[in-house]
Every structure is written in C-alpha cells, then in structure tokens.
Amino acid sequence: MQRPIPWIWIALAAFLLLAPGLAGRLFIDVLEGVTLLVVVGPLLLAGAGIVAWQLAKRRLTTCPACGSVSFGQSVCPACGFVLDPSGPPGATANQPEVTASDATIDVVAQVVDDE
C-alpha cells in the first residue's frame, strides 16, 4: 500500500521558509542554531579533550627505579621508590643500589609432575 505524499507538511515548510514574518525567521534561526551545534559541538569537545589530556599528562611521573607510571604520587606504588616531583627525572634522593640494566636474575628450572 502506497502512502500519499504529505503535501500539507511540504506546503507548511515552504511557507515558513518563504514567509517574511516572525514564524519564518524563527524557523530559520532555529535551523541555524541546530546546524551550528552539530558542526561546532564535536570540534569543541575534541579541543577540550586534548587540553584535558595535556593537563593529565603533566601529572604523570615515571619511576626511575622500576619504570612504572603513577599519577601525581610521591611514592611509587609498584616498588616504593620515593619520587621527587620538584627535581628533574632521575635526580631523586635515594638511588637504587643496582640499576635494572646491571642486575642479574637467577632462574631455577624445576620439573613439574603431570599428576
């Protein structure tokens, strides 16, 4: 079953667009506002997201002892190394005795029975 063409709604929209009165102007202004919101809204949200990410990235500190990243803490949550946020990275008060590149890990192989 074919639906009839809504000539009444088409005529009403054409009248509002062509009418020099308040109704036509209001309709065009609302359409402009919606279009502006659809186009500029995502751009503003993307810009706010980039600014928020840059602000959050400043507060991230990398532990020089273990390499884990923490969010604005004074002590590393992974290894307990005291982080100094005021100094440059790597210039902390308590340096580890053995650096990670010089450390040796002893591995002992054990046989596991399949029981």
N, C-alpha and C. Protein backbone atom coordinates (compact mmCIF):
# COMPACT_ATOMS: atom_id res chain seq x y z
N MET A 1 0.84 -1.18 0.00
CA MET A 1 0.00 0.00 0.00
C MET A 1 0.88 1.25 0.00
N GLN A 2 0.65 2.12 -0.96
CA GLN A 2 1.46 3.30 -1.12
C GLN A 2 0.93 4.45 -0.25
N ARG A 3 1.85 5.12 0.43
CA ARG A 3 1.44 6.24 1.28
C ARG A 3 1.31 7.50 0.43
N PRO A 4 0.36 8.35 0.72
CA PRO A 4 0.22 9.60 -0.05
C PRO A 4 1.32 10.58 0.34
N ILE A 5 1.66 11.44 -0.59
CA ILE A 5 2.69 12.47 -0.35
C ILE A 5 2.10 13.52 0.59
N PRO A 6 2.83 13.89 1.65
CA PRO A 6 2.31 14.85 2.63
C PRO A 6 2.42 16.29 2.13
N TRP A 7 1.52 16.64 1.21
CA TRP A 7 1.57 17.98 0.61
C TRP A 7 1.34 19.08 1.63
N ILE A 8 0.57 18.81 2.66
CA ILE A 8 0.29 19.83 3.69
C ILE A 8 1.59 20.20 4.40
N TRP A 9 2.39 19.19 4.80
CA TRP A 9 3.63 19.47 5.52
C TRP A 9 4.66 20.15 4.61
N ILE A 10 4.70 19.76 3.36
CA ILE A 10 5.62 20.38 2.41
C ILE A 10 5.24 21.84 2.20
N ALA A 11 3.95 22.11 2.06
CA ALA A 11 3.49 23.48 1.86
C ALA A 11 3.74 24.33 3.11
N LEU A 12 3.56 23.75 4.29
CA LEU A 12 3.80 24.48 5.53
C LEU A 12 5.30 24.82 5.67
N ALA A 13 6.19 23.87 5.35
CA ALA A 13 7.62 24.14 5.41
C ALA A 13 8.01 25.21 4.39
N ALA A 14 7.47 25.14 3.19
CA ALA A 14 7.78 26.14 2.16
C ALA A 14 7.27 27.52 2.59
N PHE A 15 6.10 27.56 3.19
CA PHE A 15 5.55 28.83 3.65
C PHE A 15 6.42 29.43 4.75
N LEU A 16 6.90 28.59 5.69
CA LEU A 16 7.74 29.09 6.77
C LEU A 16 9.08 29.60 6.25
N LEU A 17 9.63 28.94 5.23
CA LEU A 17 10.89 29.38 4.66
C LEU A 17 10.74 30.66 3.85
N LEU A 18 9.62 30.80 3.17
CA LEU A 18 9.42 31.94 2.29
C LEU A 18 8.72 33.12 2.96
N ALA A 19 8.08 32.87 4.08
CA ALA A 19 7.33 33.93 4.75
C ALA A 19 8.28 34.94 5.37
N PRO A 20 8.02 36.24 5.14
CA PRO A 20 8.91 37.26 5.70
C PRO A 20 8.60 37.57 7.16
N GLY A 21 7.67 36.89 7.74
CA GLY A 21 7.24 37.21 9.09
C GLY A 21 8.10 36.57 10.17
N LEU A 22 7.59 36.63 11.38
CA LEU A 22 8.28 36.15 12.56
C LEU A 22 8.44 34.63 12.53
N ALA A 23 7.44 33.91 12.06
CA ALA A 23 7.50 32.44 12.05
C ALA A 23 8.61 31.94 11.13
N GLY A 24 8.75 32.52 9.96
CA GLY A 24 9.80 32.12 9.03
C GLY A 24 11.18 32.42 9.58
N ARG A 25 11.31 33.60 10.17
CA ARG A 25 12.61 33.99 10.74
C ARG A 25 12.98 33.08 11.91
N LEU A 26 12.00 32.76 12.75
CA LEU A 26 12.24 31.89 13.89
C LEU A 26 12.66 30.49 13.42
N PHE A 27 11.99 29.98 12.40
CA PHE A 27 12.30 28.66 11.86
C PHE A 27 13.74 28.63 11.32
N ILE A 28 14.15 29.66 10.59
CA ILE A 28 15.49 29.72 10.03
C ILE A 28 16.53 29.86 11.15
N ASP A 29 16.24 30.65 12.17
CA ASP A 29 17.16 30.83 13.28
C ASP A 29 17.37 29.52 14.06
N VAL A 30 16.30 28.79 14.27
CA VAL A 30 16.41 27.50 14.97
C VAL A 30 17.23 26.53 14.13
N LEU A 31 17.00 26.50 12.82
CA LEU A 31 17.76 25.63 11.91
C LEU A 31 19.24 26.00 11.92
N GLU A 32 19.55 27.28 11.94
CA GLU A 32 20.95 27.72 12.00
C GLU A 32 21.60 27.30 13.32
N GLY A 33 20.87 27.43 14.41
CA GLY A 33 21.40 27.04 15.72
C GLY A 33 21.69 25.56 15.80
N VAL A 34 20.78 24.75 15.29
CA VAL A 34 20.98 23.30 15.30
C VAL A 34 22.18 22.93 14.42
N THR A 35 22.29 23.54 13.25
CA THR A 35 23.41 23.26 12.35
C THR A 35 24.73 23.66 13.01
N LEU A 36 24.75 24.82 13.65
CA LEU A 36 25.96 25.28 14.33
C LEU A 36 26.34 24.33 15.46
N LEU A 37 25.36 23.86 16.20
CA LEU A 37 25.62 22.93 17.29
C LEU A 37 26.17 21.60 16.77
N VAL A 38 25.64 21.10 15.68
CA VAL A 38 26.09 19.83 15.12
C VAL A 38 27.50 19.94 14.56
N VAL A 39 27.84 21.08 13.98
CA VAL A 39 29.17 21.24 13.36
C VAL A 39 30.22 21.62 14.39
N VAL A 40 29.94 22.59 15.25
CA VAL A 40 30.94 23.12 16.16
C VAL A 40 31.04 22.31 17.45
N GLY A 41 29.98 21.65 17.85
CA GLY A 41 29.97 20.88 19.11
C GLY A 41 31.06 19.83 19.18
N PRO A 42 31.18 18.93 18.19
CA PRO A 42 32.26 17.94 18.25
C PRO A 42 33.65 18.56 18.21
N LEU A 43 33.82 19.66 17.51
CA LEU A 43 35.12 20.32 17.48
C LEU A 43 35.49 20.87 18.86
N LEU A 44 34.52 21.47 19.55
CA LEU A 44 34.78 21.97 20.89
C LEU A 44 35.06 20.83 21.87
N LEU A 45 34.33 19.73 21.75
CA LEU A 45 34.58 18.58 22.62
C LEU A 45 35.95 17.98 22.37
N ALA A 46 36.37 17.91 21.12
CA ALA A 46 37.70 17.38 20.80
C ALA A 46 38.79 18.30 21.36
N GLY A 47 38.61 19.59 21.24
CA GLY A 47 39.58 20.54 21.79
C GLY A 47 39.66 20.44 23.31
N ALA A 48 38.52 20.31 23.98
CA ALA A 48 38.52 20.16 25.43
C ALA A 48 39.19 18.85 25.84
N GLY A 49 39.00 17.80 25.06
CA GLY A 49 39.64 16.52 25.35
C GLY A 49 41.15 16.60 25.22
N ILE A 50 41.63 17.30 24.21
CA ILE A 50 43.08 17.46 24.02
C ILE A 50 43.68 18.27 25.17
N VAL A 51 43.02 19.33 25.57
CA VAL A 51 43.51 20.14 26.69
C VAL A 51 43.52 19.32 27.98
N ALA A 52 42.47 18.55 28.23
CA ALA A 52 42.41 17.72 29.43
C ALA A 52 43.52 16.67 29.42
N TRP A 53 43.78 16.07 28.27
CA TRP A 53 44.85 15.06 28.18
C TRP A 53 46.21 15.70 28.46
N GLN A 54 46.46 16.90 27.94
CA GLN A 54 47.74 17.57 28.19
C GLN A 54 47.90 17.90 29.67
N LEU A 55 46.82 18.32 30.32
CA LEU A 55 46.90 18.62 31.75
C LEU A 55 47.14 17.35 32.56
N ALA A 56 46.51 16.25 32.18
CA ALA A 56 46.70 14.99 32.90
C ALA A 56 48.10 14.44 32.65
N LYS A 57 48.63 14.64 31.45
CA LYS A 57 49.95 14.12 31.11
C LYS A 57 51.05 14.80 31.93
N ARG A 58 50.85 16.04 32.32
CA ARG A 58 51.83 16.74 33.13
C ARG A 58 51.97 16.12 34.51
N ARG A 59 50.90 15.55 35.03
CA ARG A 59 50.92 14.99 36.38
C ARG A 59 51.44 13.56 36.42
N LEU A 60 51.64 12.92 35.27
CA LEU A 60 52.16 11.56 35.24
C LEU A 60 53.66 11.58 35.51
N THR A 61 54.10 10.72 36.42
CA THR A 61 55.52 10.61 36.71
C THR A 61 55.96 9.17 36.51
N THR A 62 57.14 8.99 35.92
CA THR A 62 57.69 7.67 35.69
C THR A 62 58.73 7.39 36.76
N CYS A 63 58.63 6.23 37.37
CA CYS A 63 59.57 5.83 38.41
C CYS A 63 60.92 5.48 37.76
N PRO A 64 62.02 6.10 38.22
CA PRO A 64 63.32 5.77 37.63
C PRO A 64 63.83 4.39 38.04
N ALA A 65 63.28 3.82 39.12
CA ALA A 65 63.75 2.53 39.59
C ALA A 65 63.11 1.38 38.82
N CYS A 66 61.77 1.41 38.68
CA CYS A 66 61.09 0.27 38.05
C CYS A 66 60.43 0.62 36.72
N GLY A 67 60.24 1.89 36.44
CA GLY A 67 59.66 2.30 35.15
C GLY A 67 58.16 2.37 35.12
N SER A 68 57.48 2.12 36.24
CA SER A 68 56.02 2.21 36.22
C SER A 68 55.59 3.68 36.27
N VAL A 69 54.42 3.95 35.75
CA VAL A 69 53.90 5.31 35.66
C VAL A 69 52.83 5.48 36.72
N SER A 70 52.93 6.55 37.50
CA SER A 70 51.91 6.84 38.51
C SER A 70 51.37 8.25 38.27
N PHE A 71 50.24 8.52 38.87
CA PHE A 71 49.53 9.77 38.63
C PHE A 71 49.69 10.70 39.82
N GLY A 72 50.76 11.51 39.83
CA GLY A 72 50.95 12.55 40.83
C GLY A 72 51.17 12.04 42.25
N GLN A 73 51.83 10.91 42.44
CA GLN A 73 52.09 10.40 43.78
C GLN A 73 53.54 10.68 44.15
N SER A 74 53.83 10.74 45.46
CA SER A 74 55.20 10.99 45.90
C SER A 74 55.99 9.71 46.11
N VAL A 75 55.29 8.57 46.21
CA VAL A 75 55.94 7.28 46.37
C VAL A 75 55.42 6.36 45.26
N CYS A 76 56.33 5.62 44.62
CA CYS A 76 55.94 4.70 43.55
C CYS A 76 55.07 3.59 44.13
N PRO A 77 53.87 3.35 43.57
CA PRO A 77 53.01 2.30 44.12
C PRO A 77 53.51 0.89 43.82
N ALA A 78 54.40 0.73 42.86
CA ALA A 78 54.88 -0.60 42.50
C ALA A 78 56.07 -1.04 43.35
N CYS A 79 57.06 -0.14 43.52
CA CYS A 79 58.28 -0.57 44.21
C CYS A 79 58.57 0.21 45.49
N GLY A 80 57.85 1.29 45.77
CA GLY A 80 58.06 2.06 46.99
C GLY A 80 59.16 3.10 46.89
N PHE A 81 59.68 3.33 45.70
CA PHE A 81 60.73 4.31 45.48
C PHE A 81 60.16 5.70 45.72
N VAL A 82 60.90 6.56 46.44
CA VAL A 82 60.43 7.91 46.73
C VAL A 82 60.66 8.77 45.50
N LEU A 83 59.59 9.29 44.95
CA LEU A 83 59.66 10.14 43.77
C LEU A 83 59.77 11.59 44.20
N ASP A 84 60.59 12.36 43.52
CA ASP A 84 60.76 13.78 43.82
C ASP A 84 60.19 14.58 42.66
N PRO A 85 58.92 15.05 42.75
CA PRO A 85 58.33 15.75 41.61
C PRO A 85 58.93 17.12 41.35
N SER A 86 59.68 17.70 42.32
CA SER A 86 60.22 19.04 42.11
C SER A 86 61.49 19.04 41.28
N GLY A 87 62.26 17.93 41.32
CA GLY A 87 63.52 17.88 40.60
C GLY A 87 63.34 17.26 39.23
N PRO A 88 64.42 17.25 38.44
CA PRO A 88 64.35 16.62 37.13
C PRO A 88 64.24 15.11 37.27
N PRO A 89 63.72 14.41 36.26
CA PRO A 89 63.59 12.98 36.35
C PRO A 89 64.96 12.32 36.50
N GLY A 90 65.07 11.38 37.44
CA GLY A 90 66.32 10.68 37.66
C GLY A 90 67.17 11.31 38.74
N ALA A 91 66.85 12.51 39.20
CA ALA A 91 67.63 13.17 40.24
C ALA A 91 66.90 13.05 41.56
N THR A 92 66.70 11.85 42.04
CA THR A 92 65.99 11.62 43.29
C THR A 92 66.97 11.41 44.43
N ALA A 93 66.49 11.49 45.65
CA ALA A 93 67.34 11.41 46.82
C ALA A 93 67.87 9.99 47.05
N ASN A 94 67.08 8.98 46.86
CA ASN A 94 67.52 7.62 47.13
C ASN A 94 67.61 6.83 45.83
N GLN A 95 68.81 6.74 45.30
CA GLN A 95 69.04 5.98 44.07
C GLN A 95 69.11 4.50 44.43
N PRO A 96 68.64 3.61 43.57
CA PRO A 96 68.77 2.19 43.87
C PRO A 96 70.23 1.77 43.82
N GLU A 97 70.58 0.74 44.62
CA GLU A 97 71.97 0.30 44.68
C GLU A 97 72.40 -0.34 43.37
N VAL A 98 71.51 -1.10 42.74
CA VAL A 98 71.82 -1.77 41.48
C VAL A 98 70.81 -1.29 40.45
N THR A 99 71.30 -0.80 39.34
CA THR A 99 70.37 -0.37 38.30
C THR A 99 69.78 -1.59 37.62
N ALA A 100 68.67 -1.42 36.97
CA ALA A 100 67.96 -2.54 36.35
C ALA A 100 68.77 -3.15 35.20
N SER A 101 69.57 -2.35 34.51
CA SER A 101 70.34 -2.90 33.39
C SER A 101 71.54 -3.72 33.87
N ASP A 102 72.02 -3.47 35.12
CA ASP A 102 73.15 -4.22 35.65
C ASP A 102 72.74 -5.42 36.49
N ALA A 103 71.49 -5.56 36.81
CA ALA A 103 71.02 -6.63 37.69
C ALA A 103 70.98 -7.96 36.95
N THR A 104 71.23 -9.03 37.70
CA THR A 104 71.18 -10.38 37.15
C THR A 104 70.05 -11.12 37.84
N ILE A 105 69.25 -11.81 37.06
CA ILE A 105 68.15 -12.58 37.61
C ILE A 105 68.51 -14.05 37.53
N ASP A 106 68.48 -14.72 38.68
CA ASP A 106 68.77 -16.15 38.72
C ASP A 106 67.47 -16.91 38.50
N VAL A 107 67.48 -17.81 37.54
CA VAL A 107 66.31 -18.61 37.23
C VAL A 107 66.64 -20.06 37.53
N VAL A 108 65.78 -20.72 38.29
CA VAL A 108 65.97 -22.13 38.63
C VAL A 108 64.85 -22.91 37.96
N ALA A 109 65.24 -23.88 37.14
CA ALA A 109 64.24 -24.70 36.44
C ALA A 109 63.84 -25.87 37.32
N GLN A 110 62.55 -26.14 37.39
CA GLN A 110 62.03 -27.26 38.19
C GLN A 110 61.12 -28.08 37.31
N VAL A 111 61.15 -29.40 37.51
CA VAL A 111 60.28 -30.30 36.76
C VAL A 111 58.97 -30.42 37.51
N VAL A 112 57.86 -30.27 36.81
CA VAL A 112 56.54 -30.38 37.39
C VAL A 112 55.92 -31.68 36.92
N ASP A 113 55.49 -32.51 37.86
CA ASP A 113 54.88 -33.79 37.51
C ASP A 113 53.46 -33.58 37.00
N ASP A 114 53.05 -34.41 36.03
CA ASP A 114 51.69 -34.33 35.48
C ASP A 114 50.78 -35.29 36.22
N GLU A 115 50.48 -35.05 37.47
CA GLU A 115 49.61 -35.95 38.24
C GLU A 115 48.30 -35.32 38.54
